[in-house]
Amino acid sequence: MYDHIGLQVAELEVSAKFYEAALAPLGLVRDGTGFGPPGAPALWLQVGASGAVHVAFRAETRAAVDAFHRRGLAAGGRDNGPPGVRADYAPTYYAAFLIDPDGHNVEAVCMGAP
């Protein structure tokens, strides 16, 4: 759980399009340069020197994790781990990983059973 995260990005609109596509299946929307639940952005993008970070987003379903991965790839992300169970993390840890346009490792995770 986090209050907010700020990511430094090289090209604001390129990164915003990536996050808009990848986070929509998780119920998160764009609000200016922020993303989050409607009316409560918690991920903020700003132009600056980027240092890679890892951010994990909670997904309600495994289908949402799959859509996060698929749509993020279509929007310019790179695969960093396809959707699947990560039993070494937990028996029901279902996740997918992408590298965003600025090299950040972003994840969608669903902890529920199939």
PDB file of N, CA and C in Angstrom:
ATOM      1  N   MET A   1       0.852  -1.168   0.000  1.00  0.00           N
ATOM      2  CA  MET A   1       0.000   0.000   0.000  1.00  0.00           C
ATOM      3  C   MET A   1       0.898   1.231   0.000  1.00  0.00           C
ATOM      4  N   TYR A   2       0.537   2.215  -0.778  1.00  0.00           N
ATOM      5  CA  TYR A   2       1.299   3.456  -0.785  1.00  0.00           C
ATOM      6  C   TYR A   2       0.350   4.637  -0.926  1.00  0.00           C
ATOM      7  N   ASP A   3       0.827   5.816  -0.524  1.00  0.00           N
ATOM      8  CA  ASP A   3       0.034   7.027  -0.675  1.00  0.00           C
ATOM      9  C   ASP A   3       0.185   7.575  -2.079  1.00  0.00           C
ATOM     10  N   HIS A   4       1.434   7.763  -2.509  1.00  0.00           N
ATOM     11  CA  HIS A   4       1.683   8.184  -3.889  1.00  0.00           C
ATOM     12  C   HIS A   4       3.131   7.889  -4.259  1.00  0.00           C
ATOM     13  N   ILE A   5       3.359   7.806  -5.554  1.00  0.00           N
ATOM     14  CA  ILE A   5       4.694   7.567  -6.100  1.00  0.00           C
ATOM     15  C   ILE A   5       4.896   8.551  -7.239  1.00  0.00           C
ATOM     16  N   GLY A   6       6.067   9.130  -7.327  1.00  0.00           N
ATOM     17  CA  GLY A   6       6.431   9.989  -8.448  1.00  0.00           C
ATOM     18  C   GLY A   6       7.511   9.314  -9.262  1.00  0.00           C
ATOM     19  N   LEU A   7       7.273   9.170 -10.551  1.00  0.00           N
ATOM     20  CA  LEU A   7       8.278   8.578 -11.440  1.00  0.00           C
ATOM     21  C   LEU A   7       8.832   9.648 -12.364  1.00  0.00           C
ATOM     22  N   GLN A   8      10.139   9.681 -12.466  1.00  0.00           N
ATOM     23  CA  GLN A   8      10.806  10.549 -13.422  1.00  0.00           C
ATOM     24  C   GLN A   8      10.789   9.845 -14.780  1.00  0.00           C
ATOM     25  N   VAL A   9      10.367  10.537 -15.821  1.00  0.00           N
ATOM     26  CA  VAL A   9      10.275   9.950 -17.151  1.00  0.00           C
ATOM     27  C   VAL A   9      10.955  10.857 -18.169  1.00  0.00           C
ATOM     28  N   ALA A  10      11.395  10.271 -19.268  1.00  0.00           N
ATOM     29  CA  ALA A  10      12.077  11.040 -20.306  1.00  0.00           C
ATOM     30  C   ALA A  10      11.085  11.807 -21.173  1.00  0.00           C
ATOM     31  N   GLU A  11       9.998  11.147 -21.565  1.00  0.00           N
ATOM     32  CA  GLU A  11       8.994  11.772 -22.432  1.00  0.00           C
ATOM     33  C   GLU A  11       7.624  11.580 -21.796  1.00  0.00           C
ATOM     34  N   LEU A  12       7.068  12.649 -21.275  1.00  0.00           N
ATOM     35  CA  LEU A  12       5.835  12.578 -20.503  1.00  0.00           C
ATOM     36  C   LEU A  12       4.700  11.908 -21.256  1.00  0.00           C
ATOM     37  N   GLU A  13       4.434  12.318 -22.486  1.00  0.00           N
ATOM     38  CA  GLU A  13       3.277  11.777 -23.210  1.00  0.00           C
ATOM     39  C   GLU A  13       3.475  10.311 -23.594  1.00  0.00           C
ATOM     40  N   VAL A  14       4.690   9.914 -23.934  1.00  0.00           N
ATOM     41  CA  VAL A  14       4.965   8.503 -24.255  1.00  0.00           C
ATOM     42  C   VAL A  14       4.682   7.634 -23.032  1.00  0.00           C
ATOM     43  N   SER A  15       5.194   8.050 -21.877  1.00  0.00           N
ATOM     44  CA  SER A  15       4.973   7.283 -20.656  1.00  0.00           C
ATOM     45  C   SER A  15       3.514   7.326 -20.222  1.00  0.00           C
ATOM     46  N   ALA A  16       2.869   8.475 -20.370  1.00  0.00           N
ATOM     47  CA  ALA A  16       1.455   8.595 -19.992  1.00  0.00           C
ATOM     48  C   ALA A  16       0.591   7.652 -20.820  1.00  0.00           C
ATOM     49  N   LYS A  17       0.874   7.532 -22.102  1.00  0.00           N
ATOM     50  CA  LYS A  17       0.099   6.612 -22.956  1.00  0.00           C
ATOM     51  C   LYS A  17       0.314   5.165 -22.532  1.00  0.00           C
ATOM     52  N   PHE A  18       1.549   4.813 -22.184  1.00  0.00           N
ATOM     53  CA  PHE A  18       1.843   3.463 -21.704  1.00  0.00           C
ATOM     54  C   PHE A  18       1.030   3.161 -20.443  1.00  0.00           C
ATOM     55  N   TYR A  19       1.114   4.025 -19.435  1.00  0.00           N
ATOM     56  CA  TYR A  19       0.402   3.782 -18.181  1.00  0.00           C
ATOM     57  C   TYR A  19      -1.108   3.820 -18.352  1.00  0.00           C
ATOM     58  N   GLU A  20      -1.595   4.699 -19.208  1.00  0.00           N
ATOM     59  CA  GLU A  20      -3.036   4.762 -19.461  1.00  0.00           C
ATOM     60  C   GLU A  20      -3.541   3.423 -19.994  1.00  0.00           C
ATOM     61  N   ALA A  21      -2.810   2.839 -20.940  1.00  0.00           N
ATOM     62  CA  ALA A  21      -3.208   1.553 -21.532  1.00  0.00           C
ATOM     63  C   ALA A  21      -3.041   0.405 -20.537  1.00  0.00           C
ATOM     64  N   ALA A  22      -1.889   0.335 -19.880  1.00  0.00           N
ATOM     65  CA  ALA A  22      -1.595  -0.797 -18.997  1.00  0.00           C
ATOM     66  C   ALA A  22      -2.439  -0.795 -17.729  1.00  0.00           C
ATOM     67  N   LEU A  23      -2.784   0.369 -17.195  1.00  0.00           N
ATOM     68  CA  LEU A  23      -3.496   0.440 -15.921  1.00  0.00           C
ATOM     69  C   LEU A  23      -5.010   0.431 -16.051  1.00  0.00           C
ATOM     70  N   ALA A  24      -5.537   0.668 -17.234  1.00  0.00           N
ATOM     71  CA  ALA A  24      -6.997   0.665 -17.416  1.00  0.00           C
ATOM     72  C   ALA A  24      -7.641  -0.651 -16.968  1.00  0.00           C
ATOM     73  N   PRO A  25      -7.069  -1.824 -17.302  1.00  0.00           N
ATOM     74  CA  PRO A  25      -7.690  -3.073 -16.850  1.00  0.00           C
ATOM     75  C   PRO A  25      -7.708  -3.234 -15.326  1.00  0.00           C
ATOM     76  N   LEU A  26      -6.892  -2.440 -14.628  1.00  0.00           N
ATOM     77  CA  LEU A  26      -6.847  -2.509 -13.173  1.00  0.00           C
ATOM     78  C   LEU A  26      -7.802  -1.502 -12.535  1.00  0.00           C
ATOM     79  N   GLY A  27      -8.569  -0.795 -13.367  1.00  0.00           N
ATOM     80  CA  GLY A  27      -9.526   0.183 -12.864  1.00  0.00           C
ATOM     81  C   GLY A  27      -8.903   1.524 -12.518  1.00  0.00           C
ATOM     82  N   LEU A  28      -7.681   1.767 -12.967  1.00  0.00           N
ATOM     83  CA  LEU A  28      -6.987   3.019 -12.691  1.00  0.00           C
ATOM     84  C   LEU A  28      -7.083   3.919 -13.916  1.00  0.00           C
ATOM     85  N   VAL A  29      -7.287   5.205 -13.686  1.00  0.00           N
ATOM     86  CA  VAL A  29      -7.509   6.150 -14.780  1.00  0.00           C
ATOM     87  C   VAL A  29      -6.517   7.299 -14.719  1.00  0.00           C
ATOM     88  N   ARG A  30      -6.392   7.965 -15.843  1.00  0.00           N
ATOM     89  CA  ARG A  30      -5.499   9.114 -15.953  1.00  0.00           C
ATOM     90  C   ARG A  30      -6.214  10.379 -15.496  1.00  0.00           C
ATOM     91  N   ASP A  31      -5.493  11.183 -14.725  1.00  0.00           N
ATOM     92  CA  ASP A  31      -5.983  12.477 -14.267  1.00  0.00           C
ATOM     93  C   ASP A  31      -4.829  13.454 -14.434  1.00  0.00           C
ATOM     94  N   GLY A  32      -4.755  14.111 -15.587  1.00  0.00           N
ATOM     95  CA  GLY A  32      -3.615  14.975 -15.894  1.00  0.00           C
ATOM     96  C   GLY A  32      -2.374  14.140 -16.095  1.00  0.00           C
ATOM     97  N   THR A  33      -1.388  14.308 -15.215  1.00  0.00           N
ATOM     98  CA  THR A  33      -0.185  13.474 -15.286  1.00  0.00           C
ATOM     99  C   THR A  33      -0.165  12.469 -14.133  1.00  0.00           C
ATOM    100  N   GLY A  34      -1.324  12.252 -13.521  1.00  0.00           N
ATOM    101  CA  GLY A  34      -1.441  11.285 -12.438  1.00  0.00           C
ATOM    102  C   GLY A  34      -2.351  10.140 -12.832  1.00  0.00           C
ATOM    103  N   PHE A  35      -2.201   9.028 -12.124  1.00  0.00           N
ATOM    104  CA  PHE A  35      -3.012   7.836 -12.364  1.00  0.00           C
ATOM    105  C   PHE A  35      -3.441   7.266 -11.023  1.00  0.00           C
ATOM    106  N   GLY A  36      -4.644   6.693 -11.000  1.00  0.00           N
ATOM    107  CA  GLY A  36      -5.125   6.054  -9.791  1.00  0.00           C
ATOM    108  C   GLY A  36      -6.603   5.772  -9.917  1.00  0.00           C
ATOM    109  N   PRO A  37      -7.254   5.450  -8.802  1.00  0.00           N
ATOM    110  CA  PRO A  37      -8.703   5.300  -8.836  1.00  0.00           C
ATOM    111  C   PRO A  37      -9.321   6.638  -9.246  1.00  0.00           C
ATOM    112  N   PRO A  38     -10.496   6.626  -9.852  1.00  0.00           N
ATOM    113  CA  PRO A  38     -11.122   7.887 -10.252  1.00  0.00           C
ATOM    114  C   PRO A  38     -11.148   8.895  -9.092  1.00  0.00           C
ATOM    115  N   GLY A  39     -10.592  10.065  -9.354  1.00  0.00           N
ATOM    116  CA  GLY A  39     -10.573  11.128  -8.367  1.00  0.00           C
ATOM    117  C   GLY A  39      -9.491  11.032  -7.308  1.00  0.00           C
ATOM    118  N   ALA A  40      -8.627  10.021  -7.393  1.00  0.00           N
ATOM    119  CA  ALA A  40      -7.589   9.844  -6.366  1.00  0.00           C
ATOM    120  C   ALA A  40      -6.269   9.389  -6.975  1.00  0.00           C
ATOM    121  N   PRO A  41      -5.666  10.191  -7.850  1.00  0.00           N
ATOM    122  CA  PRO A  41      -4.395   9.769  -8.452  1.00  0.00           C
ATOM    123  C   PRO A  41      -3.314   9.585  -7.390  1.00  0.00           C
ATOM    124  N   ALA A  42      -2.505   8.545  -7.569  1.00  0.00           N
ATOM    125  CA  ALA A  42      -1.445   8.244  -6.611  1.00  0.00           C
ATOM    126  C   ALA A  42      -0.112   7.955  -7.289  1.00  0.00           C
ATOM    127  N   LEU A  43      -0.114   7.821  -8.602  1.00  0.00           N
ATOM    128  CA  LEU A  43       1.116   7.648  -9.375  1.00  0.00           C
ATOM    129  C   LEU A  43       1.258   8.884 -10.251  1.00  0.00           C
ATOM    130  N   TRP A  44       2.323   9.628 -10.032  1.00  0.00           N
ATOM    131  CA  TRP A  44       2.532  10.878 -10.761  1.00  0.00           C
ATOM    132  C   TRP A  44       3.758  10.759 -11.654  1.00  0.00           C
ATOM    133  N   LEU A  45       3.652  11.252 -12.881  1.00  0.00           N
ATOM    134  CA  LEU A  45       4.763  11.256 -13.826  1.00  0.00           C
ATOM    135  C   LEU A  45       5.274  12.678 -13.988  1.00  0.00           C
ATOM    136  N   GLN A  46       6.592  12.822 -14.035  1.00  0.00           N
ATOM    137  CA  GLN A  46       7.179  14.127 -14.298  1.00  0.00           C
ATOM    138  C   GLN A  46       8.469  13.929 -15.078  1.00  0.00           C
ATOM    139  N   VAL A  47       8.770  14.889 -15.937  1.00  0.00           N
ATOM    140  CA  VAL A  47       9.977  14.811 -16.761  1.00  0.00           C
ATOM    141  C   VAL A  47      11.196  15.032 -15.873  1.00  0.00           C
ATOM    142  N   GLY A  48      12.187  14.172 -16.049  1.00  0.00           N
ATOM    143  CA  GLY A  48      13.420  14.291 -15.292  1.00  0.00           C
ATOM    144  C   GLY A  48      14.305  13.090 -15.537  1.00  0.00           C
ATOM    145  N   ALA A  49      15.463  13.099 -14.898  1.00  0.00           N
ATOM    146  CA  ALA A  49      16.386  11.977 -15.019  1.00  0.00           C
ATOM    147  C   ALA A  49      15.786  10.778 -14.305  1.00  0.00           C
ATOM    148  N   SER A  50      15.700   9.675 -15.009  1.00  0.00           N
ATOM    149  CA  SER A  50      15.031   8.510 -14.455  1.00  0.00           C
ATOM    150  C   SER A  50      16.030   7.535 -13.863  1.00  0.00           C
ATOM    151  N   GLY A  51      15.674   6.967 -12.739  1.00  0.00           N
ATOM    152  CA  GLY A  51      16.392   5.856 -12.126  1.00  0.00           C
ATOM    153  C   GLY A  51      15.368   4.746 -11.952  1.00  0.00           C
ATOM    154  N   ALA A  52      15.665   3.579 -12.453  1.00  0.00           N
ATOM    155  CA  ALA A  52      14.674   2.502 -12.482  1.00  0.00           C
ATOM    156  C   ALA A  52      14.165   2.157 -11.083  1.00  0.00           C
ATOM    157  N   VAL A  53      12.861   1.991 -10.976  1.00  0.00           N
ATOM    158  CA  VAL A  53      12.213   1.568  -9.732  1.00  0.00           C
ATOM    159  C   VAL A  53      11.249   0.430 -10.061  1.00  0.00           C
ATOM    160  N   HIS A  54      10.758  -0.217  -9.019  1.00  0.00           N
ATOM    161  CA  HIS A  54       9.758  -1.277  -9.170  1.00  0.00           C
ATOM    162  C   HIS A  54       8.473  -0.808  -8.504  1.00  0.00           C
ATOM    163  N   VAL A  55       7.365  -0.889  -9.251  1.00  0.00           N
ATOM    164  CA  VAL A  55       6.049  -0.537  -8.721  1.00  0.00           C
ATOM    165  C   VAL A  55       5.105  -1.688  -9.028  1.00  0.00           C
ATOM    166  N   ALA A  56       4.393  -2.168  -8.002  1.00  0.00           N
ATOM    167  CA  ALA A  56       3.416  -3.241  -8.187  1.00  0.00           C
ATOM    168  C   ALA A  56       2.013  -2.687  -7.954  1.00  0.00           C
ATOM    169  N   PHE A  57       1.117  -2.982  -8.882  1.00  0.00           N
ATOM    170  CA  PHE A  57      -0.272  -2.546  -8.806  1.00  0.00           C
ATOM    171  C   PHE A  57      -1.156  -3.747  -8.500  1.00  0.00           C
ATOM    172  N   ARG A  58      -2.098  -3.573  -7.586  1.00  0.00           N
ATOM    173  CA  ARG A  58      -3.022  -4.636  -7.217  1.00  0.00           C
ATOM    174  C   ARG A  58      -4.088  -4.794  -8.298  1.00  0.00           C
ATOM    175  N   ALA A  59      -4.342  -6.024  -8.699  1.00  0.00           N
ATOM    176  CA  ALA A  59      -5.393  -6.345  -9.667  1.00  0.00           C
ATOM    177  C   ALA A  59      -6.457  -7.177  -8.960  1.00  0.00           C
ATOM    178  N   GLU A  60      -7.703  -6.976  -9.333  1.00  0.00           N
ATOM    179  CA  GLU A  60      -8.804  -7.717  -8.711  1.00  0.00           C
ATOM    180  C   GLU A  60      -8.929  -9.142  -9.254  1.00  0.00           C
ATOM    181  N   THR A  61      -8.516  -9.353 -10.522  1.00  0.00           N
ATOM    182  CA  THR A  61      -8.663 -10.665 -11.151  1.00  0.00           C
ATOM    183  C   THR A  61      -7.409 -11.017 -11.940  1.00  0.00           C
ATOM    184  N   ARG A  62      -7.272 -12.295 -12.214  1.00  0.00           N
ATOM    185  CA  ARG A  62      -6.175 -12.726 -13.074  1.00  0.00           C
ATOM    186  C   ARG A  62      -6.359 -12.218 -14.498  1.00  0.00           C
ATOM    187  N   ALA A  63      -7.602 -12.107 -14.930  1.00  0.00           N
ATOM    188  CA  ALA A  63      -7.869 -11.563 -16.270  1.00  0.00           C
ATOM    189  C   ALA A  63      -7.376 -10.124 -16.373  1.00  0.00           C
ATOM    190  N   ALA A  64      -7.475  -9.361 -15.294  1.00  0.00           N
ATOM    191  CA  ALA A  64      -6.974  -7.989 -15.300  1.00  0.00           C
ATOM    192  C   ALA A  64      -5.453  -7.966 -15.417  1.00  0.00           C
ATOM    193  N   VAL A  65      -4.780  -8.922 -14.758  1.00  0.00           N
ATOM    194  CA  VAL A  65      -3.319  -9.036 -14.886  1.00  0.00           C
ATOM    195  C   VAL A  65      -2.957  -9.338 -16.341  1.00  0.00           C
ATOM    196  N   ASP A  66      -3.670 -10.270 -16.950  1.00  0.00           N
ATOM    197  CA  ASP A  66      -3.425 -10.616 -18.356  1.00  0.00           C
ATOM    198  C   ASP A  66      -3.602  -9.397 -19.260  1.00  0.00           C
ATOM    199  N   ALA A  67      -4.678  -8.633 -19.036  1.00  0.00           N
ATOM    200  CA  ALA A  67      -4.957  -7.452 -19.856  1.00  0.00           C
ATOM    201  C   ALA A  67      -3.909  -6.364 -19.630  1.00  0.00           C
ATOM    202  N   PHE A  68      -3.463  -6.182 -18.391  1.00  0.00           N
ATOM    203  CA  PHE A  68      -2.379  -5.246 -18.073  1.00  0.00           C
ATOM    204  C   PHE A  68      -1.155  -5.559 -18.939  1.00  0.00           C
ATOM    205  N   HIS A  69      -0.776  -6.818 -18.970  1.00  0.00           N
ATOM    206  CA  HIS A  69       0.412  -7.242 -19.716  1.00  0.00           C
ATOM    207  C   HIS A  69       0.213  -7.035 -21.220  1.00  0.00           C
ATOM    208  N   ARG A  70      -0.910  -7.498 -21.731  1.00  0.00           N
ATOM    209  CA  ARG A  70      -1.200  -7.398 -23.162  1.00  0.00           C
ATOM    210  C   ARG A  70      -1.259  -5.934 -23.618  1.00  0.00           C
ATOM    211  N   ARG A  71      -2.000  -5.126 -22.895  1.00  0.00           N
ATOM    212  CA  ARG A  71      -2.161  -3.726 -23.291  1.00  0.00           C
ATOM    213  C   ARG A  71      -0.888  -2.923 -23.074  1.00  0.00           C
ATOM    214  N   GLY A  72      -0.145  -3.248 -22.031  1.00  0.00           N
ATOM    215  CA  GLY A  72       1.131  -2.570 -21.801  1.00  0.00           C
ATOM    216  C   GLY A  72       2.139  -2.862 -22.901  1.00  0.00           C
ATOM    217  N   LEU A  73       2.177  -4.111 -23.372  1.00  0.00           N
ATOM    218  CA  LEU A  73       3.054  -4.453 -24.501  1.00  0.00           C
ATOM    219  C   LEU A  73       2.645  -3.681 -25.751  1.00  0.00           C
ATOM    220  N   ALA A  74       1.344  -3.621 -26.017  1.00  0.00           N
ATOM    221  CA  ALA A  74       0.841  -2.918 -27.204  1.00  0.00           C
ATOM    222  C   ALA A  74       1.133  -1.423 -27.142  1.00  0.00           C
ATOM    223  N   ALA A  75       1.300  -0.886 -25.919  1.00  0.00           N
ATOM    224  CA  ALA A  75       1.549   0.546 -25.752  1.00  0.00           C
ATOM    225  C   ALA A  75       3.034   0.872 -25.615  1.00  0.00           C
ATOM    226  N   GLY A  76       3.904  -0.076 -25.939  1.00  0.00           N
ATOM    227  CA  GLY A  76       5.330   0.212 -25.963  1.00  0.00           C
ATOM    228  C   GLY A  76       6.148  -0.357 -24.822  1.00  0.00           C
ATOM    229  N   GLY A  77       5.507  -1.089 -23.909  1.00  0.00           N
ATOM    230  CA  GLY A  77       6.260  -1.725 -22.836  1.00  0.00           C
ATOM    231  C   GLY A  77       6.995  -2.955 -23.335  1.00  0.00           C
ATOM    232  N   ARG A  78       7.972  -3.406 -22.549  1.00  0.00           N
ATOM    233  CA  ARG A  78       8.706  -4.624 -22.886  1.00  0.00           C
ATOM    234  C   ARG A  78       8.397  -5.685 -21.832  1.00  0.00           C
ATOM    235  N   ASP A  79       8.300  -6.923 -22.270  1.00  0.00           N
ATOM    236  CA  ASP A  79       8.011  -8.030 -21.372  1.00  0.00           C
ATOM    237  C   ASP A  79       9.144  -8.208 -20.375  1.00  0.00           C
ATOM    238  N   ASN A  80       8.767  -8.357 -19.102  1.00  0.00           N
ATOM    239  CA  ASN A  80       9.740  -8.660 -18.064  1.00  0.00           C
ATOM    240  C   ASN A  80       9.256  -9.834 -17.212  1.00  0.00           C
ATOM    241  N   GLY A  81       8.300 -10.575 -17.754  1.00  0.00           N
ATOM    242  CA  GLY A  81       7.733 -11.734 -17.076  1.00  0.00           C
ATOM    243  C   GLY A  81       6.267 -11.850 -17.434  1.00  0.00           C
ATOM    244  N   PRO A  82       5.895 -12.855 -18.229  1.00  0.00           N
ATOM    245  CA  PRO A  82       4.512 -12.990 -18.675  1.00  0.00           C
ATOM    246  C   PRO A  82       3.581 -13.339 -17.519  1.00  0.00           C
ATOM    247  N   PRO A  83       2.276 -13.177 -17.721  1.00  0.00           N
ATOM    248  CA  PRO A  83       1.321 -13.526 -16.673  1.00  0.00           C
ATOM    249  C   PRO A  83       1.464 -14.986 -16.246  1.00  0.00           C
ATOM    250  N   GLY A  84       1.412 -15.200 -14.958  1.00  0.00           N
ATOM    251  CA  GLY A  84       1.485 -16.559 -14.438  1.00  0.00           C
ATOM    252  C   GLY A  84       1.614 -16.579 -12.933  1.00  0.00           C
ATOM    253  N   VAL A  85       1.461 -17.763 -12.367  1.00  0.00           N
ATOM    254  CA  VAL A  85       1.610 -17.957 -10.924  1.00  0.00           C
ATOM    255  C   VAL A  85       3.093 -17.907 -10.578  1.00  0.00           C
ATOM    256  N   ARG A  86       3.418 -17.179  -9.543  1.00  0.00           N
ATOM    257  CA  ARG A  86       4.776 -17.114  -9.013  1.00  0.00           C
ATOM    258  C   ARG A  86       4.759 -17.836  -7.665  1.00  0.00           C
ATOM    259  N   ALA A  87       4.767 -19.178  -7.724  1.00  0.00           N
ATOM    260  CA  ALA A  87       4.625 -20.006  -6.519  1.00  0.00           C
ATOM    261  C   ALA A  87       5.762 -19.767  -5.533  1.00  0.00           C
ATOM    262  N   ASP A  88       6.919 -19.291  -6.015  1.00  0.00           N
ATOM    263  CA  ASP A  88       8.019 -19.008  -5.098  1.00  0.00           C
ATOM    264  C   ASP A  88       7.726 -17.782  -4.231  1.00  0.00           C
ATOM    265  N   TYR A  89       6.763 -16.929  -4.657  1.00  0.00           N
ATOM    266  CA  TYR A  89       6.332 -15.780  -3.844  1.00  0.00           C
ATOM    267  C   TYR A  89       5.221 -16.209  -2.889  1.00  0.00           C
ATOM    268  N   ALA A  90       4.196 -16.883  -3.435  1.00  0.00           N
ATOM    269  CA  ALA A  90       3.052 -17.385  -2.657  1.00  0.00           C
ATOM    270  C   ALA A  90       2.245 -18.290  -3.582  1.00  0.00           C
ATOM    271  N   PRO A  91       1.502 -19.245  -3.041  1.00  0.00           N
ATOM    272  CA  PRO A  91       0.773 -20.208  -3.883  1.00  0.00           C
ATOM    273  C   PRO A  91      -0.234 -19.583  -4.850  1.00  0.00           C
ATOM    274  N   THR A  92      -0.805 -18.432  -4.494  1.00  0.00           N
ATOM    275  CA  THR A  92      -1.801 -17.800  -5.374  1.00  0.00           C
ATOM    276  C   THR A  92      -1.309 -16.474  -5.948  1.00  0.00           C
ATOM    277  N   TYR A  93       0.003 -16.234  -5.918  1.00  0.00           N
ATOM    278  CA  TYR A  93       0.578 -14.979  -6.423  1.00  0.00           C
ATOM    279  C   TYR A  93       0.617 -15.036  -7.941  1.00  0.00           C
ATOM    280  N   TYR A  94      -0.335 -14.376  -8.591  1.00  0.00           N
ATOM    281  CA  TYR A  94      -0.444 -14.357 -10.052  1.00  0.00           C
ATOM    282  C   TYR A  94      -0.041 -12.962 -10.510  1.00  0.00           C
ATOM    283  N   ALA A  95       0.986 -12.875 -11.334  1.00  0.00           N
ATOM    284  CA  ALA A  95       1.526 -11.564 -11.693  1.00  0.00           C
ATOM    285  C   ALA A  95       2.067 -11.542 -13.114  1.00  0.00           C
ATOM    286  N   ALA A  96       2.249 -10.324 -13.604  1.00  0.00           N
ATOM    287  CA  ALA A  96       2.913 -10.069 -14.884  1.00  0.00           C
ATOM    288  C   ALA A  96       3.787  -8.840 -14.690  1.00  0.00           C
ATOM    289  N   PHE A  97       4.896  -8.801 -15.417  1.00  0.00           N
ATOM    290  CA  PHE A  97       5.868  -7.720 -15.274  1.00  0.00           C
ATOM    291  C   PHE A  97       6.163  -7.095 -16.636  1.00  0.00           C
ATOM    292  N   LEU A  98       6.279  -5.773 -16.635  1.00  0.00           N
ATOM    293  CA  LEU A  98       6.629  -5.021 -17.839  1.00  0.00           C
ATOM    294  C   LEU A  98       7.736  -4.024 -17.510  1.00  0.00           C
ATOM    295  N   ILE A  99       8.530  -3.701 -18.503  1.00  0.00           N
ATOM    296  CA  ILE A  99       9.468  -2.589 -18.411  1.00  0.00           C
ATOM    297  C   ILE A  99       8.814  -1.431 -19.166  1.00  0.00           C
ATOM    298  N   ASP A 100       8.615  -0.317 -18.472  1.00  0.00           N
ATOM    299  CA  ASP A 100       7.955   0.830 -19.105  1.00  0.00           C
ATOM    300  C   ASP A 100       8.935   1.559 -20.025  1.00  0.00           C
ATOM    301  N   PRO A 101       8.486   2.586 -20.761  1.00  0.00           N
ATOM    302  CA  PRO A 101       9.369   3.267 -21.707  1.00  0.00           C
ATOM    303  C   PRO A 101      10.624   3.882 -21.083  1.00  0.00           C
ATOM    304  N   ASP A 102      10.651   4.059 -19.751  1.00  0.00           N
ATOM    305  CA  ASP A 102      11.810   4.648 -19.093  1.00  0.00           C
ATOM    306  C   ASP A 102      12.628   3.647 -18.291  1.00  0.00           C
ATOM    307  N   GLY A 103      12.319   2.358 -18.434  1.00  0.00           N
ATOM    308  CA  GLY A 103      13.106   1.328 -17.769  1.00  0.00           C
ATOM    309  C   GLY A 103      12.610   0.922 -16.393  1.00  0.00           C
ATOM    310  N   HIS A 104      11.461   1.445 -15.951  1.00  0.00           N
ATOM    311  CA  HIS A 104      10.897   1.054 -14.662  1.00  0.00           C
ATOM    312  C   HIS A 104      10.250  -0.328 -14.789  1.00  0.00           C
ATOM    313  N   ASN A 105      10.392  -1.149 -13.758  1.00  0.00           N
ATOM    314  CA  ASN A 105       9.795  -2.467 -13.706  1.00  0.00           C
ATOM    315  C   ASN A 105       8.407  -2.326 -13.061  1.00  0.00           C
ATOM    316  N   VAL A 106       7.358  -2.510 -13.844  1.00  0.00           N
ATOM    317  CA  VAL A 106       5.995  -2.388 -13.316  1.00  0.00           C
ATOM    318  C   VAL A 106       5.321  -3.745 -13.344  1.00  0.00           C
ATOM    319  N   GLU A 107       4.536  -4.000 -12.315  1.00  0.00           N
ATOM    320  CA  GLU A 107       3.923  -5.309 -12.108  1.00  0.00           C
ATOM    321  C   GLU A 107       2.446  -5.135 -11.802  1.00  0.00           C
ATOM    322  N   ALA A 108       1.655  -6.088 -12.255  1.00  0.00           N
ATOM    323  CA  ALA A 108       0.274  -6.227 -11.789  1.00  0.00           C
ATOM    324  C   ALA A 108       0.185  -7.571 -11.108  1.00  0.00           C
ATOM    325  N   VAL A 109      -0.448  -7.599  -9.912  1.00  0.00           N
ATOM    326  CA  VAL A 109      -0.513  -8.823  -9.130  1.00  0.00           C
ATOM    327  C   VAL A 109      -1.917  -9.035  -8.590  1.00  0.00           C
ATOM    328  N   CYS A 110      -2.364 -10.286  -8.671  1.00  0.00           N
ATOM    329  CA  CYS A 110      -3.630 -10.716  -8.103  1.00  0.00           C
ATOM    330  C   CYS A 110      -3.318 -11.853  -7.137  1.00  0.00           C
ATOM    331  N   MET A 111      -3.737 -11.704  -5.896  1.00  0.00           N
ATOM    332  CA  MET A 111      -3.427 -12.709  -4.888  1.00  0.00           C
ATOM    333  C   MET A 111      -4.556 -13.712  -4.701  1.00  0.00           C
ATOM    334  N   GLY A 112      -5.684 -13.523  -5.389  1.00  0.00           N
ATOM    335  CA  GLY A 112      -6.822 -14.417  -5.236  1.00  0.00           C
ATOM    336  C   GLY A 112      -6.680 -15.692  -6.048  1.00  0.00           C
ATOM    337  N   ALA A 113      -7.491 -16.649  -5.721  1.00  0.00           N
ATOM    338  CA  ALA A 113      -7.523 -17.907  -6.465  1.00  0.00           C
ATOM    339  C   ALA A 113      -8.146 -17.654  -7.845  1.00  0.00           C
ATOM    340  N   PRO A 114      -7.901 -18.573  -8.778  1.00  0.00           N
ATOM    341  CA  PRO A 114      -8.393 -18.372 -10.158  1.00  0.00           C
ATOM    342  C   PRO A 114      -9.875 -18.113 -10.267  1.00  0.00           C
TER     343      PRO A 114
END
